[in-house]
Amino acid sequence: MEHVAKLLNDMVETGVLTNYAVFGAVAQMRYTEAVTTLDADVLVAVPEPGAWDNAFINFDHTGWFPAPNYVVMKLWWDNFAPKFLPVTGDAQGCNLVATRSEDGGTLVIKAVNPKDQATTVEVDLKGGFAPKTAAMQVVAPGSLRARNTLAEPAAVRPEAGAAQLNGKRARFQLPAYSTAVVKLN
């Protein structure tokens, strides 16, 4: 146990951890007799995640912040529509998915621009769907290294974007390294 304590203290001194707590098999005591173990159970607090940012939600005792992948997944889920639609044509190097609501009254376009430059996307709508309004939410942090932190928990977040309708054509701009949801009603 002395070696474990020294290792943990060294990790705090070098900044790998901000704090730690050693605990035992407390939950097991309710069901078994106490026994001596040779392991150490350790809860750790890490500094801002940086390269170790692989959790959807990061937190400590003072607050929480969503990782960029959580921000995008939540945006996708909040704009779920179950019926997939075919997407054809030149996507300008972007990834596009189109879905329609169960009642057919809303068309949702989810777009990702993986390039280091902005691009304009135009979508021609086929069939009897003739939307009257277009709304867009975009996540465009400007860098692939952009992260939320405890100090700045909303650095990467959805913001209102601009999508235009011209008859049965929707047009919108995707900034570099961005993702967006365009809802047509």
N, C-alpha and C. Protein backbone atom coordinates (compact mmCIF):
# COMPACT_ATOMS: atom_id res chain seq x y z
N MET A 1 0.82 -1.19 0.00
CA MET A 1 0.00 0.00 0.00
C MET A 1 0.87 1.26 0.00
N GLU A 2 2.02 1.17 0.60
CA GLU A 2 2.93 2.31 0.63
C GLU A 2 3.35 2.71 -0.79
N HIS A 3 3.59 1.71 -1.65
CA HIS A 3 3.99 2.00 -3.04
C HIS A 3 2.85 2.67 -3.81
N VAL A 4 1.63 2.24 -3.55
CA VAL A 4 0.47 2.83 -4.20
C VAL A 4 0.33 4.29 -3.80
N ALA A 5 0.45 4.57 -2.51
CA ALA A 5 0.34 5.94 -2.02
C ALA A 5 1.43 6.82 -2.64
N LYS A 6 2.66 6.31 -2.72
CA LYS A 6 3.75 7.09 -3.32
C LYS A 6 3.46 7.36 -4.80
N LEU A 7 2.99 6.35 -5.53
CA LEU A 7 2.66 6.52 -6.94
C LEU A 7 1.56 7.58 -7.11
N LEU A 8 0.50 7.49 -6.31
CA LEU A 8 -0.59 8.45 -6.41
C LEU A 8 -0.12 9.86 -6.07
N ASN A 9 0.68 10.01 -5.03
CA ASN A 9 1.21 11.33 -4.67
C ASN A 9 2.10 11.89 -5.78
N ASP A 10 2.92 11.03 -6.39
CA ASP A 10 3.75 11.48 -7.52
C ASP A 10 2.89 11.94 -8.68
N MET A 11 1.80 11.24 -8.93
CA MET A 11 0.91 11.62 -10.04
C MET A 11 0.23 12.96 -9.77
N VAL A 12 -0.09 13.24 -8.52
CA VAL A 12 -0.67 14.54 -8.17
C VAL A 12 0.39 15.63 -8.35
N GLU A 13 1.61 15.38 -7.87
CA GLU A 13 2.69 16.38 -7.98
C GLU A 13 3.02 16.71 -9.43
N THR A 14 2.96 15.74 -10.32
CA THR A 14 3.30 15.99 -11.73
C THR A 14 2.11 16.47 -12.54
N GLY A 15 0.92 16.54 -11.93
CA GLY A 15 -0.25 17.07 -12.63
C GLY A 15 -1.06 16.04 -13.40
N VAL A 16 -0.70 14.77 -13.32
CA VAL A 16 -1.48 13.73 -13.99
C VAL A 16 -2.86 13.62 -13.34
N LEU A 17 -2.90 13.71 -12.03
CA LEU A 17 -4.14 13.71 -11.26
C LEU A 17 -4.24 15.01 -10.50
N THR A 18 -5.48 15.45 -10.22
CA THR A 18 -5.63 16.62 -9.34
C THR A 18 -5.89 16.20 -7.91
N ASN A 19 -6.44 14.99 -7.74
CA ASN A 19 -6.72 14.49 -6.39
C ASN A 19 -7.06 13.01 -6.49
N TYR A 20 -7.11 12.33 -5.35
CA TYR A 20 -7.50 10.93 -5.34
C TYR A 20 -8.06 10.58 -3.98
N ALA A 21 -8.78 9.46 -3.94
CA ALA A 21 -9.29 8.92 -2.69
C ALA A 21 -9.14 7.41 -2.74
N VAL A 22 -8.60 6.83 -1.69
CA VAL A 22 -8.45 5.39 -1.59
C VAL A 22 -9.64 4.87 -0.78
N PHE A 23 -10.27 3.80 -1.26
CA PHE A 23 -11.39 3.23 -0.54
C PHE A 23 -11.33 1.71 -0.67
N GLY A 24 -12.15 1.04 0.09
CA GLY A 24 -12.14 -0.43 0.09
C GLY A 24 -13.41 -1.00 -0.47
N ALA A 25 -13.57 -2.27 -0.31
CA ALA A 25 -14.72 -2.99 -0.85
C ALA A 25 -15.91 -2.82 0.08
N VAL A 26 -16.36 -1.57 0.26
CA VAL A 26 -17.43 -1.26 1.20
C VAL A 26 -18.74 -1.93 0.80
N ALA A 27 -19.04 -1.93 -0.48
CA ALA A 27 -20.31 -2.52 -0.94
C ALA A 27 -20.37 -4.00 -0.63
N GLN A 28 -19.26 -4.68 -0.70
CA GLN A 28 -19.25 -6.12 -0.47
C GLN A 28 -19.47 -6.45 1.01
N MET A 29 -19.14 -5.56 1.91
CA MET A 29 -19.25 -5.84 3.35
C MET A 29 -20.69 -6.15 3.76
N ARG A 30 -21.66 -5.64 3.02
CA ARG A 30 -23.05 -5.89 3.35
C ARG A 30 -23.42 -7.36 3.15
N TYR A 31 -22.71 -8.04 2.25
CA TYR A 31 -23.06 -9.40 1.89
C TYR A 31 -22.07 -10.47 2.37
N THR A 32 -20.88 -10.06 2.77
CA THR A 32 -19.88 -11.04 3.20
C THR A 32 -19.18 -10.54 4.45
N GLU A 33 -18.41 -11.40 5.04
CA GLU A 33 -17.60 -10.98 6.17
C GLU A 33 -16.40 -10.19 5.63
N ALA A 34 -15.94 -9.26 6.42
CA ALA A 34 -14.77 -8.46 6.02
C ALA A 34 -13.57 -9.37 5.85
N VAL A 35 -12.81 -9.13 4.78
CA VAL A 35 -11.61 -9.91 4.51
C VAL A 35 -10.49 -8.95 4.12
N THR A 36 -9.30 -9.37 4.34
CA THR A 36 -8.15 -8.59 3.92
C THR A 36 -7.91 -8.81 2.43
N THR A 37 -7.72 -7.72 1.69
CA THR A 37 -7.41 -7.85 0.27
C THR A 37 -6.07 -7.19 0.00
N LEU A 38 -5.48 -7.53 -1.11
CA LEU A 38 -4.19 -6.97 -1.48
C LEU A 38 -4.31 -5.94 -2.60
N ASP A 39 -5.53 -5.55 -2.92
CA ASP A 39 -5.71 -4.55 -3.97
C ASP A 39 -6.01 -3.19 -3.36
N ALA A 40 -5.94 -2.18 -4.20
CA ALA A 40 -6.28 -0.82 -3.77
C ALA A 40 -7.33 -0.28 -4.73
N ASP A 41 -8.45 0.14 -4.18
CA ASP A 41 -9.49 0.77 -4.99
C ASP A 41 -9.28 2.28 -4.87
N VAL A 42 -9.17 2.94 -6.03
CA VAL A 42 -8.83 4.35 -6.03
C VAL A 42 -9.78 5.12 -6.93
N LEU A 43 -10.37 6.18 -6.41
CA LEU A 43 -11.11 7.15 -7.22
C LEU A 43 -10.14 8.27 -7.55
N VAL A 44 -10.10 8.69 -8.81
CA VAL A 44 -9.17 9.74 -9.18
C VAL A 44 -9.90 10.91 -9.81
N ALA A 45 -9.35 12.08 -9.64
CA ALA A 45 -9.81 13.29 -10.32
C ALA A 45 -8.68 13.73 -11.24
N VAL A 46 -9.01 13.89 -12.51
CA VAL A 46 -7.99 14.29 -13.48
C VAL A 46 -8.15 15.76 -13.80
N PRO A 47 -7.08 16.41 -14.23
CA PRO A 47 -7.22 17.79 -14.68
C PRO A 47 -8.07 17.82 -15.94
N GLU A 48 -8.27 18.99 -16.53
CA GLU A 48 -9.06 19.09 -17.76
C GLU A 48 -8.67 17.95 -18.68
N PRO A 49 -9.64 17.29 -19.31
CA PRO A 49 -9.37 16.06 -20.03
C PRO A 49 -8.32 16.14 -21.13
N GLY A 50 -8.28 17.21 -21.93
CA GLY A 50 -7.29 17.28 -22.99
C GLY A 50 -7.36 16.08 -23.89
N ALA A 51 -6.25 15.40 -24.09
CA ALA A 51 -6.21 14.24 -24.98
C ALA A 51 -6.95 13.06 -24.40
N TRP A 52 -7.29 13.10 -23.14
CA TRP A 52 -7.97 11.99 -22.48
C TRP A 52 -9.47 12.23 -22.46
N ASP A 53 -9.98 13.00 -23.40
CA ASP A 53 -11.37 13.41 -23.45
C ASP A 53 -12.19 12.36 -24.19
N ASN A 54 -12.41 11.22 -23.56
CA ASN A 54 -13.14 10.16 -24.22
C ASN A 54 -14.49 9.87 -23.57
N ALA A 55 -14.90 10.67 -22.63
CA ALA A 55 -16.19 10.49 -21.98
C ALA A 55 -17.22 11.40 -22.65
N PHE A 56 -18.47 10.99 -22.63
CA PHE A 56 -19.52 11.85 -23.16
C PHE A 56 -19.78 13.03 -22.23
N ILE A 57 -19.77 12.75 -20.94
CA ILE A 57 -20.00 13.79 -19.94
C ILE A 57 -18.84 13.76 -18.96
N ASN A 58 -18.22 14.89 -18.76
CA ASN A 58 -17.09 15.01 -17.84
C ASN A 58 -17.54 15.84 -16.65
N PHE A 59 -17.05 15.49 -15.46
CA PHE A 59 -17.53 16.20 -14.27
C PHE A 59 -16.53 16.07 -13.14
N ASP A 60 -16.71 16.95 -12.19
CA ASP A 60 -16.07 16.81 -10.89
C ASP A 60 -17.07 17.31 -9.86
N HIS A 61 -16.62 17.55 -8.64
CA HIS A 61 -17.56 17.95 -7.59
C HIS A 61 -18.12 19.36 -7.78
N THR A 62 -17.57 20.15 -8.72
CA THR A 62 -18.03 21.53 -8.91
C THR A 62 -18.96 21.69 -10.10
N GLY A 63 -18.97 20.76 -11.03
CA GLY A 63 -19.82 20.92 -12.20
C GLY A 63 -19.58 19.86 -13.24
N TRP A 64 -20.10 20.08 -14.45
CA TRP A 64 -19.95 19.12 -15.53
C TRP A 64 -19.89 19.84 -16.85
N PHE A 65 -19.45 19.14 -17.88
CA PHE A 65 -19.47 19.67 -19.23
C PHE A 65 -19.55 18.52 -20.23
N PRO A 66 -20.24 18.76 -21.35
CA PRO A 66 -20.37 17.71 -22.35
C PRO A 66 -19.17 17.70 -23.29
N ALA A 67 -18.75 16.52 -23.69
CA ALA A 67 -17.72 16.39 -24.70
C ALA A 67 -18.34 16.72 -26.07
N PRO A 68 -17.55 17.12 -27.06
CA PRO A 68 -18.11 17.45 -28.37
C PRO A 68 -18.94 16.32 -28.98
N ASN A 69 -18.52 15.07 -28.80
CA ASN A 69 -19.30 13.97 -29.36
C ASN A 69 -20.68 13.87 -28.71
N TYR A 70 -20.78 14.19 -27.43
CA TYR A 70 -22.08 14.21 -26.76
C TYR A 70 -22.95 15.33 -27.32
N VAL A 71 -22.34 16.50 -27.54
CA VAL A 71 -23.09 17.65 -28.07
C VAL A 71 -23.74 17.27 -29.41
N VAL A 72 -22.97 16.63 -30.28
CA VAL A 72 -23.49 16.25 -31.60
C VAL A 72 -24.53 15.13 -31.47
N MET A 73 -24.26 14.13 -30.65
CA MET A 73 -25.23 13.04 -30.49
C MET A 73 -26.55 13.54 -29.93
N LYS A 74 -26.49 14.49 -29.00
CA LYS A 74 -27.72 15.05 -28.44
C LYS A 74 -28.47 15.84 -29.51
N LEU A 75 -27.76 16.61 -30.31
CA LEU A 75 -28.39 17.36 -31.40
C LEU A 75 -29.08 16.39 -32.36
N TRP A 76 -28.41 15.30 -32.69
CA TRP A 76 -29.00 14.29 -33.58
C TRP A 76 -30.27 13.72 -32.95
N TRP A 77 -30.16 13.32 -31.69
CA TRP A 77 -31.31 12.70 -31.03
C TRP A 77 -32.48 13.67 -30.89
N ASP A 78 -32.20 14.90 -30.53
CA ASP A 78 -33.27 15.90 -30.37
C ASP A 78 -33.99 16.16 -31.69
N ASN A 79 -33.40 15.78 -32.80
CA ASN A 79 -33.99 16.00 -34.12
C ASN A 79 -34.23 14.67 -34.85
N PHE A 80 -34.56 13.65 -34.10
CA PHE A 80 -34.80 12.33 -34.67
C PHE A 80 -36.06 12.34 -35.52
N ALA A 81 -35.98 11.71 -36.68
CA ALA A 81 -37.14 11.44 -37.53
C ALA A 81 -36.91 10.03 -38.10
N PRO A 82 -37.91 9.15 -38.03
CA PRO A 82 -37.67 7.73 -38.28
C PRO A 82 -37.58 7.27 -39.73
N LYS A 83 -38.06 8.03 -40.67
CA LYS A 83 -38.14 7.54 -42.05
C LYS A 83 -36.98 8.08 -42.90
N PHE A 84 -36.08 7.16 -43.29
CA PHE A 84 -34.93 7.56 -44.10
C PHE A 84 -35.38 7.88 -45.53
N LEU A 85 -34.73 8.89 -46.12
CA LEU A 85 -35.01 9.29 -47.50
C LEU A 85 -33.72 9.19 -48.30
N PRO A 86 -33.83 8.87 -49.59
CA PRO A 86 -32.61 8.82 -50.41
C PRO A 86 -32.04 10.21 -50.63
N VAL A 87 -30.71 10.30 -50.64
CA VAL A 87 -30.00 11.55 -50.93
C VAL A 87 -29.10 11.27 -52.12
N THR A 88 -29.28 12.00 -53.20
CA THR A 88 -28.45 11.83 -54.38
C THR A 88 -27.86 13.17 -54.78
N GLY A 89 -26.85 13.14 -55.63
CA GLY A 89 -26.25 14.37 -56.14
C GLY A 89 -24.91 14.65 -55.52
N ASP A 90 -24.38 15.83 -55.80
CA ASP A 90 -23.06 16.23 -55.33
C ASP A 90 -23.17 16.85 -53.94
N ALA A 91 -22.66 16.15 -52.95
CA ALA A 91 -22.73 16.64 -51.57
C ALA A 91 -21.57 17.56 -51.22
N GLN A 92 -20.75 17.94 -52.21
CA GLN A 92 -19.63 18.87 -52.00
C GLN A 92 -18.64 18.37 -50.95
N GLY A 93 -18.46 17.06 -50.87
CA GLY A 93 -17.52 16.49 -49.89
C GLY A 93 -18.09 16.36 -48.49
N CYS A 94 -19.36 16.68 -48.32
CA CYS A 94 -20.00 16.59 -47.01
C CYS A 94 -20.76 15.27 -46.92
N ASN A 95 -21.13 14.90 -45.71
CA ASN A 95 -21.95 13.73 -45.47
C ASN A 95 -23.36 14.21 -45.14
N LEU A 96 -24.34 13.68 -45.86
CA LEU A 96 -25.73 14.10 -45.66
C LEU A 96 -26.62 12.90 -45.42
N VAL A 97 -27.57 13.07 -44.50
CA VAL A 97 -28.62 12.08 -44.24
C VAL A 97 -29.92 12.85 -44.18
N ALA A 98 -30.95 12.33 -44.84
CA ALA A 98 -32.26 12.97 -44.79
C ALA A 98 -33.27 11.99 -44.21
N THR A 99 -34.10 12.48 -43.31
CA THR A 99 -35.16 11.68 -42.71
C THR A 99 -36.44 12.50 -42.66
N ARG A 100 -37.54 11.81 -42.49
CA ARG A 100 -38.84 12.46 -42.44
C ARG A 100 -39.57 12.02 -41.19
N SER A 101 -40.35 12.91 -40.62
CA SER A 101 -41.14 12.56 -39.44
C SER A 101 -42.20 11.53 -39.79
N GLU A 102 -42.71 10.86 -38.79
CA GLU A 102 -43.73 9.83 -38.97
C GLU A 102 -44.95 10.38 -39.71
N ASP A 103 -45.35 11.61 -39.37
CA ASP A 103 -46.54 12.20 -40.00
C ASP A 103 -46.25 12.84 -41.35
N GLY A 104 -44.97 12.87 -41.75
CA GLY A 104 -44.60 13.42 -43.06
C GLY A 104 -44.53 14.94 -43.10
N GLY A 105 -44.74 15.61 -41.98
CA GLY A 105 -44.78 17.07 -41.98
C GLY A 105 -43.43 17.75 -41.79
N THR A 106 -42.39 17.00 -41.42
CA THR A 106 -41.07 17.58 -41.18
C THR A 106 -40.01 16.74 -41.88
N LEU A 107 -39.12 17.42 -42.58
CA LEU A 107 -37.96 16.79 -43.19
C LEU A 107 -36.73 17.27 -42.43
N VAL A 108 -35.86 16.34 -42.04
CA VAL A 108 -34.66 16.67 -41.27
C VAL A 108 -33.43 16.28 -42.10
N ILE A 109 -32.55 17.24 -42.30
CA ILE A 109 -31.29 16.98 -42.99
C ILE A 109 -30.18 17.11 -41.96
N LYS A 110 -29.39 16.06 -41.82
CA LYS A 110 -28.23 16.09 -40.93
C LYS A 110 -26.99 16.11 -41.81
N ALA A 111 -26.12 17.06 -41.58
CA ALA A 111 -24.97 17.26 -42.46
C ALA A 111 -23.68 17.40 -41.65
N VAL A 112 -22.60 16.86 -42.20
CA VAL A 112 -21.28 16.98 -41.60
C VAL A 112 -20.32 17.49 -42.66
N ASN A 113 -19.59 18.54 -42.33
CA ASN A 113 -18.53 19.04 -43.21
C ASN A 113 -17.19 18.69 -42.56
N PRO A 114 -16.51 17.65 -43.05
CA PRO A 114 -15.23 17.25 -42.45
C PRO A 114 -14.03 18.02 -43.00
N LYS A 115 -14.29 18.98 -43.87
CA LYS A 115 -13.20 19.69 -44.55
C LYS A 115 -12.77 20.94 -43.75
N ASP A 116 -11.59 21.42 -44.09
CA ASP A 116 -11.05 22.61 -43.42
C ASP A 116 -11.49 23.91 -44.07
N GLN A 117 -12.53 23.85 -44.90
CA GLN A 117 -13.08 25.05 -45.52
C GLN A 117 -14.61 24.96 -45.55
N ALA A 118 -15.24 26.11 -45.55
CA ALA A 118 -16.70 26.15 -45.57
C ALA A 118 -17.20 25.69 -46.94
N THR A 119 -18.42 25.22 -46.95
CA THR A 119 -19.05 24.80 -48.21
C THR A 119 -20.53 25.11 -48.17
N THR A 120 -21.09 25.37 -49.32
CA THR A 120 -22.53 25.61 -49.45
C THR A 120 -23.19 24.34 -49.94
N VAL A 121 -24.28 23.96 -49.29
CA VAL A 121 -25.03 22.76 -49.65
C VAL A 121 -26.39 23.19 -50.17
N GLU A 122 -26.78 22.59 -51.30
CA GLU A 122 -28.12 22.81 -51.86
C GLU A 122 -28.80 21.46 -51.99
N VAL A 123 -30.04 21.41 -51.52
CA VAL A 123 -30.81 20.17 -51.56
C VAL A 123 -32.10 20.46 -52.32
N ASP A 124 -32.31 19.72 -53.41
CA ASP A 124 -33.56 19.81 -54.16
C ASP A 124 -34.51 18.76 -53.63
N LEU A 125 -35.70 19.20 -53.27
CA LEU A 125 -36.70 18.31 -52.69
C LEU A 125 -37.59 17.76 -53.79
N LYS A 126 -37.81 16.47 -53.75
CA LYS A 126 -38.65 15.79 -54.74
C LYS A 126 -39.97 15.40 -54.10
N GLY A 127 -40.94 15.08 -54.93
CA GLY A 127 -42.22 14.59 -54.43
C GLY A 127 -43.13 15.72 -54.01
N GLY A 128 -44.14 15.38 -53.22
CA GLY A 128 -45.18 16.33 -52.85
C GLY A 128 -44.86 17.19 -51.65
N PHE A 129 -43.69 17.02 -51.04
CA PHE A 129 -43.35 17.80 -49.85
C PHE A 129 -42.94 19.21 -50.26
N ALA A 130 -43.64 20.22 -49.75
CA ALA A 130 -43.35 21.62 -50.08
C ALA A 130 -43.25 22.41 -48.77
N PRO A 131 -42.06 22.46 -48.17
CA PRO A 131 -41.93 23.15 -46.87
C PRO A 131 -42.12 24.66 -46.99
N LYS A 132 -42.54 25.23 -45.89
CA LYS A 132 -42.74 26.68 -45.82
C LYS A 132 -41.67 27.37 -44.97
N THR A 133 -41.04 26.59 -44.04
CA THR A 133 -40.03 27.17 -43.15
C THR A 133 -38.79 26.29 -43.12
N ALA A 134 -37.67 26.92 -42.84
CA ALA A 134 -36.39 26.21 -42.67
C ALA A 134 -35.70 26.76 -41.44
N ALA A 135 -35.19 25.87 -40.61
CA ALA A 135 -34.43 26.27 -39.42
C ALA A 135 -33.18 25.42 -39.35
N MET A 136 -32.11 25.99 -38.84
CA MET A 136 -30.84 25.27 -38.80
C MET A 136 -30.17 25.47 -37.46
N GLN A 137 -29.60 24.38 -36.94
CA GLN A 137 -28.72 24.43 -35.78
C GLN A 137 -27.38 23.87 -36.24
N VAL A 138 -26.31 24.57 -35.90
CA VAL A 138 -24.99 24.16 -36.36
C VAL A 138 -24.02 24.11 -35.18
N VAL A 139 -23.16 23.10 -35.20
CA VAL A 139 -22.06 22.99 -34.24
C VAL A 139 -20.80 23.21 -35.06
N ALA A 140 -20.16 24.36 -34.86
CA ALA A 140 -19.00 24.74 -35.66
C ALA A 140 -17.93 25.33 -34.76
N PRO A 141 -17.18 24.49 -34.07
CA PRO A 141 -16.18 25.01 -33.13
C PRO A 141 -14.96 25.64 -33.79
N GLY A 142 -14.78 25.43 -35.12
CA GLY A 142 -13.66 26.06 -35.81
C GLY A 142 -12.37 25.27 -35.80
N SER A 143 -12.32 24.22 -35.00
CA SER A 143 -11.10 23.41 -34.89
C SER A 143 -11.47 22.00 -34.46
N LEU A 144 -10.74 21.04 -34.96
CA LEU A 144 -10.95 19.67 -34.51
C LEU A 144 -10.49 19.46 -33.08
N ARG A 145 -9.71 20.38 -32.55
CA ARG A 145 -9.21 20.28 -31.18
C ARG A 145 -10.06 21.06 -30.18
N ALA A 146 -11.12 21.69 -30.63
CA ALA A 146 -11.98 22.46 -29.73
C ALA A 146 -12.62 21.51 -28.70
N ARG A 147 -12.68 21.95 -27.47
CA ARG A 147 -13.22 21.14 -26.38
C ARG A 147 -13.99 22.03 -25.41
N ASN A 148 -14.96 21.44 -24.76
CA ASN A 148 -15.58 22.07 -23.61
C ASN A 148 -14.72 21.75 -22.40
N THR A 149 -14.76 22.61 -21.41
CA THR A 149 -14.01 22.41 -20.17
C THR A 149 -14.88 22.84 -19.00
N LEU A 150 -14.42 22.56 -17.80
CA LEU A 150 -15.15 23.05 -16.62
C LEU A 150 -15.21 24.57 -16.62
N ALA A 151 -14.13 25.22 -17.06
CA ALA A 151 -14.09 26.68 -17.09
C ALA A 151 -14.95 27.24 -18.22
N GLU A 152 -15.06 26.51 -19.32
CA GLU A 152 -15.84 26.95 -20.48
C GLU A 152 -16.68 25.77 -21.00
N PRO A 153 -17.77 25.47 -20.30
CA PRO A 153 -18.54 24.27 -20.62
C PRO A 153 -19.36 24.35 -21.90
N ALA A 154 -19.47 25.51 -22.52
CA ALA A 154 -20.27 25.65 -23.74
C ALA A 154 -19.46 26.16 -24.90
N ALA A 155 -18.16 25.87 -24.93
CA ALA A 155 -17.33 26.31 -26.06
C ALA A 155 -17.77 25.61 -27.35
N VAL A 156 -18.15 24.35 -27.25
CA VAL A 156 -18.67 23.59 -28.39
C VAL A 156 -20.15 23.35 -28.11
N ARG A 157 -21.01 23.99 -28.90
CA ARG A 157 -22.45 23.91 -28.66
C ARG A 157 -23.21 24.21 -29.95
N PRO A 158 -24.46 23.78 -30.02
CA PRO A 158 -25.28 24.14 -31.19
C PRO A 158 -25.65 25.61 -31.13
N GLU A 159 -25.64 26.23 -32.28
CA GLU A 159 -26.07 27.63 -32.41
C GLU A 159 -26.99 27.73 -33.61
N ALA A 160 -27.80 28.77 -33.64
CA ALA A 160 -28.69 28.98 -34.77
C ALA A 160 -27.86 29.27 -36.01
N GLY A 161 -28.26 28.67 -37.10
CA GLY A 161 -27.63 28.92 -38.39
C GLY A 161 -28.69 29.43 -39.36
N ALA A 162 -28.28 29.67 -40.58
CA ALA A 162 -29.20 30.19 -41.59
C ALA A 162 -29.40 29.16 -42.70
N ALA A 163 -30.65 28.81 -42.94
CA ALA A 163 -31.02 27.95 -44.05
C ALA A 163 -32.11 28.68 -44.83
N GLN A 164 -31.97 28.68 -46.13
CA GLN A 164 -32.94 29.38 -46.97
C GLN A 164 -33.73 28.37 -47.80
N LEU A 165 -34.98 28.73 -48.06
CA LEU A 165 -35.84 27.96 -48.94
C LEU A 165 -36.15 28.80 -50.16
N ASN A 166 -36.01 28.20 -51.32
CA ASN A 166 -36.40 28.84 -52.57
C ASN A 166 -37.22 27.80 -53.33
N GLY A 167 -38.53 27.87 -53.17
CA GLY A 167 -39.38 26.85 -53.75
C GLY A 167 -39.12 25.52 -53.06
N LYS A 168 -38.65 24.54 -53.84
CA LYS A 168 -38.37 23.21 -53.29
C LYS A 168 -36.87 22.97 -53.20
N ARG A 169 -36.11 24.05 -53.04
CA ARG A 169 -34.66 23.94 -52.86
C ARG A 169 -34.28 24.56 -51.52
N ALA A 170 -33.55 23.77 -50.71
CA ALA A 170 -33.01 24.26 -49.44
C ALA A 170 -31.53 24.53 -49.64
N ARG A 171 -31.06 25.62 -49.08
CA ARG A 171 -29.64 26.01 -49.24
C ARG A 171 -29.12 26.45 -47.87
N PHE A 172 -27.91 25.96 -47.54
CA PHE A 172 -27.30 26.36 -46.27
C PHE A 172 -25.79 26.26 -46.37
N GLN A 173 -25.12 27.01 -45.52
CA GLN A 173 -23.66 27.06 -45.48
C GLN A 173 -23.19 26.23 -44.29
N LEU A 174 -22.20 25.37 -44.54
CA LEU A 174 -21.57 24.59 -43.47
C LEU A 174 -20.16 25.13 -43.26
N PRO A 175 -19.86 25.70 -42.10
CA PRO A 175 -18.50 26.14 -41.82
C PRO A 175 -17.53 24.95 -41.82
N ALA A 176 -16.25 25.25 -41.83
CA ALA A 176 -15.23 24.19 -41.74
C ALA A 176 -15.44 23.38 -40.47
N TYR A 177 -15.18 22.09 -40.56
CA TYR A 177 -15.26 21.17 -39.42
C TYR A 177 -16.55 21.38 -38.63
N SER A 178 -17.67 21.26 -39.30
CA SER A 178 -18.95 21.52 -38.63
C SER A 178 -19.93 20.39 -38.88
N THR A 179 -21.00 20.45 -38.10
CA THR A 179 -22.13 19.56 -38.30
C THR A 179 -23.40 20.39 -38.08
N ALA A 180 -24.45 20.01 -38.77
CA ALA A 180 -25.67 20.80 -38.68
C ALA A 180 -26.91 19.93 -38.85
N VAL A 181 -28.01 20.45 -38.32
CA VAL A 181 -29.32 19.87 -38.54
C VAL A 181 -30.19 20.97 -39.15
N VAL A 182 -30.78 20.65 -40.29
CA VAL A 182 -31.70 21.58 -40.95
C VAL A 182 -33.07 20.93 -40.92
N LYS A 183 -34.04 21.66 -40.35
CA LYS A 183 -35.42 21.17 -40.27
C LYS A 183 -36.28 21.98 -41.23
N LEU A 184 -36.99 21.25 -42.09
CA LEU A 184 -37.89 21.87 -43.04
C LEU A 184 -39.31 21.47 -42.69
N ASN A 185 -40.19 22.45 -42.53
CA ASN A 185 -41.59 22.20 -42.17
C ASN A 185 -42.49 22.81 -43.24
